[in-house]
Amino acid sequence: MSLLEKLKWRYATKKMDASKSVPPEKVDSILEAVRHTASSSGLQPYELIVITNKDLREKIKAIANNQSQITDCSHLIIFAAWDDYTAQRINDAFDMTENIRNFKNDAGVAYRQMLLKNYPARGPEANFTHAAKQAYIGLGTALIAAAEAEVDSTPMEGFDPKALDEILNLKEKGLRSVVMLPLGYRKEDEDWLVKLKKVRRPNEQFISWIK
């Protein structure tokens, strides 16, 4: 299948087969795609937490409307955004870039100073909102990468973020949970959605051309 065909194949899987596990190489490929996706200023202001522990996933299921994909999936990915843009985090990102590229230029120095001046001054809530939007870019890439690998997935916001943060001790790491993504394989005989046609708005209602 082409990538477009695979995107038509994918859907928000409602019932996953707990007996099937996604091969490590496919999981690694999906995670690596997210690591290389677009990121504002190259800061990558979020982290991925991959959970396979069944007991931990049971705890998460309890604060996520008992959605079965959380425990039936093979791997549960948590997208956790920075709780703030601090000077330390900004400097660490620019230092890494300079070390890897082995050079420093005036434009890079000026851009670093601009972020150091503007980002921390916006305050933690505005910065978390921005970081969370960056995490959603990663989520989109993960969905595409999973489809390309013919792995099923379901983006999930239906959980108590404060409870999840507590379960995973995210506050201590300066992180806040944003969205979850179970990876696995559909259980076709128990998934009511799998046989239904995929519905998307037609091009003329979705795309406008300005020439």
C-alpha atoms as a PDB file:
ATOM      1  CA  MET A   1       0.000   0.000   0.000  1.00  0.00           C
ATOM      2  CA  SER A   2       1.058   3.580  -0.614  1.00  0.00           C
ATOM      3  CA  LEU A   3       1.201   5.971   2.324  1.00  0.00           C
ATOM      4  CA  LEU A   4      -2.134   7.485   1.295  1.00  0.00           C
ATOM      5  CA  GLU A   5      -3.696   4.028   1.118  1.00  0.00           C
ATOM      6  CA  LYS A   6      -2.365   3.261   4.591  1.00  0.00           C
ATOM      7  CA  LEU A   7      -3.843   6.480   5.957  1.00  0.00           C
ATOM      8  CA  LYS A   8      -7.180   5.420   4.502  1.00  0.00           C
ATOM      9  CA  TRP A   9      -6.676   2.011   6.156  1.00  0.00           C
ATOM     10  CA  ARG A  10      -6.008   3.438   9.623  1.00  0.00           C
ATOM     11  CA  TYR A  11      -8.759   4.396  12.033  1.00  0.00           C
ATOM     12  CA  ALA A  12      -9.099   5.067  15.761  1.00  0.00           C
ATOM     13  CA  THR A  13      -9.074   1.429  16.822  1.00  0.00           C
ATOM     14  CA  LYS A  14     -11.728   0.722  19.451  1.00  0.00           C
ATOM     15  CA  LYS A  15     -10.808  -2.858  20.318  1.00  0.00           C
ATOM     16  CA  MET A  16      -7.260  -4.159  20.289  1.00  0.00           C
ATOM     17  CA  ASP A  17      -6.073  -7.759  20.405  1.00  0.00           C
ATOM     18  CA  ALA A  18      -4.249  -8.197  23.713  1.00  0.00           C
ATOM     19  CA  SER A  19      -2.600 -11.392  22.433  1.00  0.00           C
ATOM     20  CA  LYS A  20      -0.636  -9.547  19.743  1.00  0.00           C
ATOM     21  CA  SER A  21       2.481  -7.495  20.360  1.00  0.00           C
ATOM     22  CA  VAL A  22       3.983  -4.884  18.066  1.00  0.00           C
ATOM     23  CA  PRO A  23       7.530  -5.947  17.073  1.00  0.00           C
ATOM     24  CA  PRO A  24      10.281  -3.870  18.721  1.00  0.00           C
ATOM     25  CA  GLU A  25      11.616  -2.666  15.388  1.00  0.00           C
ATOM     26  CA  LYS A  26       8.234  -1.183  14.464  1.00  0.00           C
ATOM     27  CA  VAL A  27       7.885   0.546  17.822  1.00  0.00           C
ATOM     28  CA  ASP A  28      11.412   1.931  17.482  1.00  0.00           C
ATOM     29  CA  SER A  29      10.625   3.198  13.988  1.00  0.00           C
ATOM     30  CA  ILE A  30       7.513   5.027  15.216  1.00  0.00           C
ATOM     31  CA  LEU A  31       9.378   6.589  18.134  1.00  0.00           C
ATOM     32  CA  GLU A  32      12.264   7.606  15.893  1.00  0.00           C
ATOM     33  CA  ALA A  33       9.838   9.273  13.481  1.00  0.00           C
ATOM     34  CA  VAL A  34       8.518  11.385  16.350  1.00  0.00           C
ATOM     35  CA  ARG A  35      12.060  12.246  17.454  1.00  0.00           C
ATOM     36  CA  HIS A  36      12.782  13.570  13.963  1.00  0.00           C
ATOM     37  CA  THR A  37       9.522  15.442  13.418  1.00  0.00           C
ATOM     38  CA  ALA A  38       9.091  19.205  13.147  1.00  0.00           C
ATOM     39  CA  SER A  39       9.676  21.213  16.324  1.00  0.00           C
ATOM     40  CA  SER A  40       9.480  24.957  16.898  1.00  0.00           C
ATOM     41  CA  SER A  41      13.009  26.373  17.265  1.00  0.00           C
ATOM     42  CA  GLY A  42      14.229  22.788  17.488  1.00  0.00           C
ATOM     43  CA  LEU A  43      13.478  22.733  21.221  1.00  0.00           C
ATOM     44  CA  GLN A  44      11.474  19.465  21.279  1.00  0.00           C
ATOM     45  CA  PRO A  45       9.610  20.616  24.417  1.00  0.00           C
ATOM     46  CA  TYR A  46       8.040  17.265  25.267  1.00  0.00           C
ATOM     47  CA  GLU A  47       9.005  13.702  26.063  1.00  0.00           C
ATOM     48  CA  LEU A  48       7.627  10.278  25.212  1.00  0.00           C
ATOM     49  CA  ILE A  49       6.953   7.719  27.920  1.00  0.00           C
ATOM     50  CA  VAL A  50       6.420   4.193  26.586  1.00  0.00           C
ATOM     51  CA  ILE A  51       4.579   1.873  28.983  1.00  0.00           C
ATOM     52  CA  THR A  52       4.353  -1.887  28.625  1.00  0.00           C
ATOM     53  CA  ASN A  53       3.931  -2.706  32.333  1.00  0.00           C
ATOM     54  CA  LYS A  54       0.462  -4.222  32.692  1.00  0.00           C
ATOM     55  CA  ASP A  55      -0.123  -3.211  36.325  1.00  0.00           C
ATOM     56  CA  LEU A  56       0.738   0.389  35.558  1.00  0.00           C
ATOM     57  CA  ARG A  57      -1.555   0.396  32.550  1.00  0.00           C
ATOM     58  CA  GLU A  58      -4.389  -0.912  34.736  1.00  0.00           C
ATOM     59  CA  LYS A  59      -3.917   2.114  36.994  1.00  0.00           C
ATOM     60  CA  ILE A  60      -3.990   4.420  33.990  1.00  0.00           C
ATOM     61  CA  LYS A  61      -7.094   2.723  32.606  1.00  0.00           C
ATOM     62  CA  ALA A  62      -8.927   3.502  35.844  1.00  0.00           C
ATOM     63  CA  ILE A  63      -8.384   7.255  35.374  1.00  0.00           C
ATOM     64  CA  ALA A  64      -9.094   7.101  31.625  1.00  0.00           C
ATOM     65  CA  ASN A  65     -12.758   6.098  31.481  1.00  0.00           C
ATOM     66  CA  ASN A  66     -11.777   2.418  31.495  1.00  0.00           C
ATOM     67  CA  GLN A  67     -10.879   2.498  27.819  1.00  0.00           C
ATOM     68  CA  SER A  68      -9.841  -1.034  26.975  1.00  0.00           C
ATOM     69  CA  GLN A  69      -7.171  -0.060  24.449  1.00  0.00           C
ATOM     70  CA  ILE A  70      -4.968   1.074  27.335  1.00  0.00           C
ATOM     71  CA  THR A  71      -4.571  -2.471  28.649  1.00  0.00           C
ATOM     72  CA  ASP A  72      -5.175  -4.395  25.418  1.00  0.00           C
ATOM     73  CA  CYS A  73      -2.586  -2.495  23.425  1.00  0.00           C
ATOM     74  CA  SER A  74       0.999  -3.630  23.050  1.00  0.00           C
ATOM     75  CA  HIS A  75       2.645  -0.305  23.940  1.00  0.00           C
ATOM     76  CA  LEU A  76       1.110   2.805  25.499  1.00  0.00           C
ATOM     77  CA  ILE A  77       2.817   6.071  24.576  1.00  0.00           C
ATOM     78  CA  ILE A  78       2.333   9.124  26.790  1.00  0.00           C
ATOM     79  CA  PHE A  79       3.159  12.517  25.275  1.00  0.00           C
ATOM     80  CA  ALA A  80       4.260  14.728  28.178  1.00  0.00           C
ATOM     81  CA  ALA A  81       5.041  18.395  27.556  1.00  0.00           C
ATOM     82  CA  TRP A  82       7.408  20.658  29.433  1.00  0.00           C
ATOM     83  CA  ASP A  83       5.591  22.540  32.179  1.00  0.00           C
ATOM     84  CA  ASP A  84       7.559  25.702  31.284  1.00  0.00           C
ATOM     85  CA  TYR A  85      10.287  27.090  29.055  1.00  0.00           C
ATOM     86  CA  THR A  86      13.134  27.799  31.438  1.00  0.00           C
ATOM     87  CA  ALA A  87      16.463  29.406  30.652  1.00  0.00           C
ATOM     88  CA  GLN A  88      18.131  26.095  31.484  1.00  0.00           C
ATOM     89  CA  ARG A  89      16.035  24.163  28.974  1.00  0.00           C
ATOM     90  CA  ILE A  90      16.539  26.747  26.227  1.00  0.00           C
ATOM     91  CA  ASN A  91      20.275  26.918  26.831  1.00  0.00           C
ATOM     92  CA  ASP A  92      20.591  23.126  26.916  1.00  0.00           C
ATOM     93  CA  ALA A  93      18.897  22.875  23.506  1.00  0.00           C
ATOM     94  CA  PHE A  94      21.121  25.507  21.910  1.00  0.00           C
ATOM     95  CA  ASP A  95      24.264  24.100  23.539  1.00  0.00           C
ATOM     96  CA  MET A  96      23.463  20.671  22.090  1.00  0.00           C
ATOM     97  CA  THR A  97      22.927  22.145  18.626  1.00  0.00           C
ATOM     98  CA  GLU A  98      26.236  23.992  18.745  1.00  0.00           C
ATOM     99  CA  ASN A  99      28.082  20.922  19.992  1.00  0.00           C
ATOM    100  CA  ILE A 100      26.631  18.610  17.330  1.00  0.00           C
ATOM    101  CA  ARG A 101      27.158  21.081  14.493  1.00  0.00           C
ATOM    102  CA  ASN A 102      30.514  22.123  15.924  1.00  0.00           C
ATOM    103  CA  PHE A 103      30.057  25.807  15.240  1.00  0.00           C
ATOM    104  CA  LYS A 104      28.436  28.952  16.605  1.00  0.00           C
ATOM    105  CA  ASN A 105      27.313  31.965  14.567  1.00  0.00           C
ATOM    106  CA  ASP A 106      25.898  35.400  15.282  1.00  0.00           C
ATOM    107  CA  ALA A 107      22.425  34.487  14.056  1.00  0.00           C
ATOM    108  CA  GLY A 108      22.244  31.514  16.399  1.00  0.00           C
ATOM    109  CA  VAL A 109      23.471  33.550  19.349  1.00  0.00           C
ATOM    110  CA  ALA A 110      20.912  36.288  18.643  1.00  0.00           C
ATOM    111  CA  TYR A 111      18.106  33.760  18.286  1.00  0.00           C
ATOM    112  CA  ARG A 112      19.028  32.107  21.583  1.00  0.00           C
ATOM    113  CA  GLN A 113      18.983  35.486  23.346  1.00  0.00           C
ATOM    114  CA  MET A 114      15.608  36.320  21.798  1.00  0.00           C
ATOM    115  CA  LEU A 115      14.079  33.116  23.159  1.00  0.00           C
ATOM    116  CA  LEU A 116      15.699  33.619  26.572  1.00  0.00           C
ATOM    117  CA  LYS A 117      14.201  37.105  26.723  1.00  0.00           C
ATOM    118  CA  ASN A 118      10.700  36.270  25.487  1.00  0.00           C
ATOM    119  CA  TYR A 119       9.799  32.704  26.431  1.00  0.00           C
ATOM    120  CA  PRO A 120      10.292  32.605  30.228  1.00  0.00           C
ATOM    121  CA  ALA A 121       8.566  35.993  30.519  1.00  0.00           C
ATOM    122  CA  ARG A 122       5.319  34.583  29.081  1.00  0.00           C
ATOM    123  CA  GLY A 123       4.712  32.484  32.185  1.00  0.00           C
ATOM    124  CA  PRO A 124       4.327  28.728  32.791  1.00  0.00           C
ATOM    125  CA  GLU A 125       0.750  28.297  31.574  1.00  0.00           C
ATOM    126  CA  ALA A 126       1.313  30.015  28.225  1.00  0.00           C
ATOM    127  CA  ASN A 127       4.522  28.072  27.795  1.00  0.00           C
ATOM    128  CA  PHE A 128       2.902  24.743  28.637  1.00  0.00           C
ATOM    129  CA  THR A 129       0.164  25.463  26.074  1.00  0.00           C
ATOM    130  CA  HIS A 130       2.815  26.107  23.433  1.00  0.00           C
ATOM    131  CA  ALA A 131       4.749  22.981  24.397  1.00  0.00           C
ATOM    132  CA  ALA A 132       1.556  20.907  24.297  1.00  0.00           C
ATOM    133  CA  LYS A 133       0.911  22.088  20.736  1.00  0.00           C
ATOM    134  CA  GLN A 134       4.384  20.858  19.837  1.00  0.00           C
ATOM    135  CA  ALA A 135       3.543  17.487  21.370  1.00  0.00           C
ATOM    136  CA  TYR A 136       0.524  17.276  19.077  1.00  0.00           C
ATOM    137  CA  ILE A 137       2.814  17.693  16.080  1.00  0.00           C
ATOM    138  CA  GLY A 138       4.634  14.623  17.408  1.00  0.00           C
ATOM    139  CA  LEU A 139       1.324  12.809  17.842  1.00  0.00           C
ATOM    140  CA  GLY A 140       0.432  13.460  14.217  1.00  0.00           C
ATOM    141  CA  THR A 141       3.762  12.069  13.099  1.00  0.00           C
ATOM    142  CA  ALA A 142       3.283   8.999  15.305  1.00  0.00           C
ATOM    143  CA  LEU A 143      -0.130   8.330  13.761  1.00  0.00           C
ATOM    144  CA  ILE A 144       1.322   8.498  10.268  1.00  0.00           C
ATOM    145  CA  ALA A 145       4.355   6.400  11.191  1.00  0.00           C
ATOM    146  CA  ALA A 146       2.141   3.765  12.808  1.00  0.00           C
ATOM    147  CA  ALA A 147      -0.059   3.598   9.720  1.00  0.00           C
ATOM    148  CA  GLU A 148       3.007   3.282   7.512  1.00  0.00           C
ATOM    149  CA  ALA A 149       4.118   0.321   9.658  1.00  0.00           C
ATOM    150  CA  GLU A 150       0.571  -1.118   9.569  1.00  0.00           C
ATOM    151  CA  VAL A 151       0.252  -0.759  13.326  1.00  0.00           C
ATOM    152  CA  ASP A 152      -3.069   0.289  14.815  1.00  0.00           C
ATOM    153  CA  SER A 153      -3.335   3.278  17.131  1.00  0.00           C
ATOM    154  CA  THR A 154      -5.882   5.441  18.925  1.00  0.00           C
ATOM    155  CA  PRO A 155      -5.154   9.023  20.036  1.00  0.00           C
ATOM    156  CA  MET A 156      -6.683   9.592  23.473  1.00  0.00           C
ATOM    157  CA  GLU A 157      -7.471  12.713  25.467  1.00  0.00           C
ATOM    158  CA  GLY A 158     -10.133  11.067  27.628  1.00  0.00           C
ATOM    159  CA  PHE A 159      -8.181  10.820  30.860  1.00  0.00           C
ATOM    160  CA  ASP A 160      -7.555  12.798  34.036  1.00  0.00           C
ATOM    161  CA  PRO A 161      -4.235  14.539  33.326  1.00  0.00           C
ATOM    162  CA  LYS A 162      -3.567  15.494  36.938  1.00  0.00           C
ATOM    163  CA  ALA A 163      -4.097  11.895  38.030  1.00  0.00           C
ATOM    164  CA  LEU A 164      -1.860  10.605  35.253  1.00  0.00           C
ATOM    165  CA  ASP A 165       0.825  13.123  36.173  1.00  0.00           C
ATOM    166  CA  GLU A 166       0.704  11.809  39.723  1.00  0.00           C
ATOM    167  CA  ILE A 167       0.840   8.149  38.684  1.00  0.00           C
ATOM    168  CA  LEU A 168       3.911   8.807  36.527  1.00  0.00           C
ATOM    169  CA  ASN A 169       5.527  11.374  38.860  1.00  0.00           C
ATOM    170  CA  LEU A 170       5.657  13.852  36.000  1.00  0.00           C
ATOM    171  CA  LYS A 171       5.649  16.977  38.156  1.00  0.00           C
ATOM    172  CA  GLU A 172       9.028  15.995  39.577  1.00  0.00           C
ATOM    173  CA  LYS A 173      10.357  15.864  36.004  1.00  0.00           C
ATOM    174  CA  GLY A 174       8.887  19.225  35.029  1.00  0.00           C
ATOM    175  CA  LEU A 175       6.363  17.573  32.699  1.00  0.00           C
ATOM    176  CA  ARG A 176       2.594  17.487  32.246  1.00  0.00           C
ATOM    177  CA  SER A 177       0.679  14.805  30.350  1.00  0.00           C
ATOM    178  CA  VAL A 178      -0.991  15.918  27.115  1.00  0.00           C
ATOM    179  CA  VAL A 179      -2.254  12.942  25.115  1.00  0.00           C
ATOM    180  CA  MET A 180      -1.909   9.140  25.006  1.00  0.00           C
ATOM    181  CA  LEU A 181      -1.400   6.814  22.053  1.00  0.00           C
ATOM    182  CA  PRO A 182      -1.918   3.051  22.403  1.00  0.00           C
ATOM    183  CA  LEU A 183      -0.184   0.954  19.738  1.00  0.00           C
ATOM    184  CA  GLY A 184      -1.368  -2.535  18.873  1.00  0.00           C
ATOM    185  CA  TYR A 185      -3.441  -4.553  16.470  1.00  0.00           C
ATOM    186  CA  ARG A 186      -7.170  -4.382  15.846  1.00  0.00           C
ATOM    187  CA  LYS A 187      -9.434  -7.200  17.009  1.00  0.00           C
ATOM    188  CA  GLU A 188     -11.755  -7.164  14.038  1.00  0.00           C
ATOM    189  CA  ASP A 189     -14.450  -9.472  15.384  1.00  0.00           C
ATOM    190  CA  GLU A 190     -15.022  -7.232  18.434  1.00  0.00           C
ATOM    191  CA  ASP A 191     -14.467  -3.745  16.987  1.00  0.00           C
ATOM    192  CA  TRP A 192     -17.706  -2.085  15.896  1.00  0.00           C
ATOM    193  CA  LEU A 193     -15.860   0.580  13.900  1.00  0.00           C
ATOM    194  CA  VAL A 194     -13.539  -1.562  11.807  1.00  0.00           C
ATOM    195  CA  LYS A 195     -16.019  -2.415   9.034  1.00  0.00           C
ATOM    196  CA  LEU A 196     -17.546   1.042   8.711  1.00  0.00           C
ATOM    197  CA  LYS A 197     -16.548   3.301   5.841  1.00  0.00           C
ATOM    198  CA  LYS A 198     -14.081   6.044   6.693  1.00  0.00           C
ATOM    199  CA  VAL A 199     -15.819   9.401   6.507  1.00  0.00           C
ATOM    200  CA  ARG A 200     -14.007  12.626   5.664  1.00  0.00           C
ATOM    201  CA  ARG A 201     -15.300  15.895   4.255  1.00  0.00           C
ATOM    202  CA  PRO A 202     -14.953  16.162   0.466  1.00  0.00           C
ATOM    203  CA  ASN A 203     -12.146  18.294  -0.965  1.00  0.00           C
ATOM    204  CA  GLU A 204     -14.474  21.136  -1.970  1.00  0.00           C
ATOM    205  CA  GLN A 205     -15.560  21.521   1.674  1.00  0.00           C
ATOM    206  CA  PHE A 206     -12.099  21.065   3.124  1.00  0.00           C
ATOM    207  CA  ILE A 207      -9.581  22.670   0.795  1.00  0.00           C
ATOM    208  CA  SER A 208      -9.598  26.228  -0.596  1.00  0.00           C
ATOM    209  CA  TRP A 209      -7.221  27.321  -3.330  1.00  0.00           C
ATOM    210  CA  ILE A 210      -6.079  30.931  -3.657  1.00  0.00           C
ATOM    211  CA  LYS A 211      -4.301  31.575  -6.958  1.00  0.00           C
END
